[in-house]
Amino acid sequence: MTQCEKILAYLDEHGSITTMEGMSKLRIANFTARISDLRKAGVELTKETVIKKNKDGETVRFARYRRKA
């Protein structure tokens, strides 16, 4: 299974994926490049910027990707 196929399978199962999930759970080091590959292949994805506090109380931002409905 290719990395892009792993991302699509994860999206089908979980509904969304973050860069950290892609890197830690799917072991895809260059996750954003694979998102770019999927878009070039015609997969429509939406990107939501999530703003949260981390365990140290610092504000962090990260992307959450979903298939476009």
Protein backbone atom coordinates (compact mmCIF):
# COMPACT_ATOMS: atom_id res chain seq x y z
CA MET A 1 0.00 0.00 0.00
CA THR A 2 1.41 3.40 -0.96
CA GLN A 3 1.59 6.30 1.45
CA CYS A 4 -1.20 8.07 -0.42
CA GLU A 5 -3.36 4.95 -0.17
CA LYS A 6 -2.65 4.82 3.58
CA ILE A 7 -3.84 8.42 3.96
CA LEU A 8 -7.03 7.73 1.99
CA ALA A 9 -7.75 4.60 4.05
CA TYR A 10 -7.21 6.58 7.26
CA LEU A 11 -9.57 9.30 6.04
CA ASP A 12 -12.20 6.68 5.17
CA GLU A 13 -11.93 5.17 8.65
CA HIS A 14 -11.51 8.29 10.80
CA GLY A 15 -12.95 11.14 8.72
CA SER A 16 -9.97 13.46 9.10
CA ILE A 17 -6.21 13.46 9.60
CA THR A 18 -3.63 15.89 10.97
CA THR A 19 0.00 16.16 9.97
CA MET A 20 1.02 14.70 13.35
CA GLU A 21 -1.31 11.71 12.91
CA GLY A 22 0.09 11.11 9.44
CA MET A 23 3.63 11.21 10.75
CA SER A 24 3.13 9.25 13.98
CA LYS A 25 0.37 6.75 13.15
CA LEU A 26 1.10 6.19 9.46
CA ARG A 27 4.86 6.84 9.68
CA ILE A 28 4.84 9.24 6.71
CA ALA A 29 7.78 11.62 7.21
CA ASN A 30 6.90 14.04 4.40
CA PHE A 31 3.15 14.08 5.00
CA THR A 32 2.43 17.45 3.37
CA ALA A 33 4.10 16.26 0.15
CA ARG A 34 1.72 13.29 0.06
CA ILE A 35 -1.25 15.64 0.58
CA SER A 36 0.04 17.61 -2.40
CA ASP A 37 0.34 14.39 -4.43
CA LEU A 38 -3.26 13.47 -3.60
CA ARG A 39 -4.50 16.88 -4.70
CA LYS A 40 -2.53 16.63 -7.96
CA ALA A 41 -4.18 13.24 -8.52
CA GLY A 42 -7.60 14.90 -8.26
CA VAL A 43 -8.53 14.05 -4.67
CA GLU A 44 -10.48 16.98 -3.25
CA LEU A 45 -9.41 17.76 0.32
CA THR A 46 -10.33 20.56 2.67
CA LYS A 47 -7.84 22.01 5.13
CA GLU A 48 -8.94 23.39 8.49
CA THR A 49 -6.48 25.30 10.65
CA VAL A 50 -6.93 24.22 14.27
CA ILE A 51 -5.75 26.46 17.11
CA LYS A 52 -5.25 24.83 20.52
CA LYS A 53 -3.13 25.02 23.64
CA ASN A 54 -0.42 22.40 24.01
CA LYS A 55 0.50 20.70 27.29
CA ASP A 56 2.76 23.67 28.17
CA GLY A 57 -0.08 26.14 27.68
CA GLU A 58 1.35 27.54 24.44
CA THR A 59 -0.95 28.28 21.52
CA VAL A 60 -0.23 26.01 18.57
CA ARG A 61 -1.70 25.79 15.08
CA PHE A 62 -1.98 22.71 12.91
CA ALA A 63 -3.87 21.52 9.85
CA ARG A 64 -6.68 18.96 9.81
CA TYR A 65 -7.51 17.50 6.39
CA ARG A 66 -10.81 15.99 5.30
CA ARG A 67 -12.19 14.75 2.00
CA LYS A 68 -14.35 17.41 0.40
CA ALA A 69 -18.02 16.49 0.67
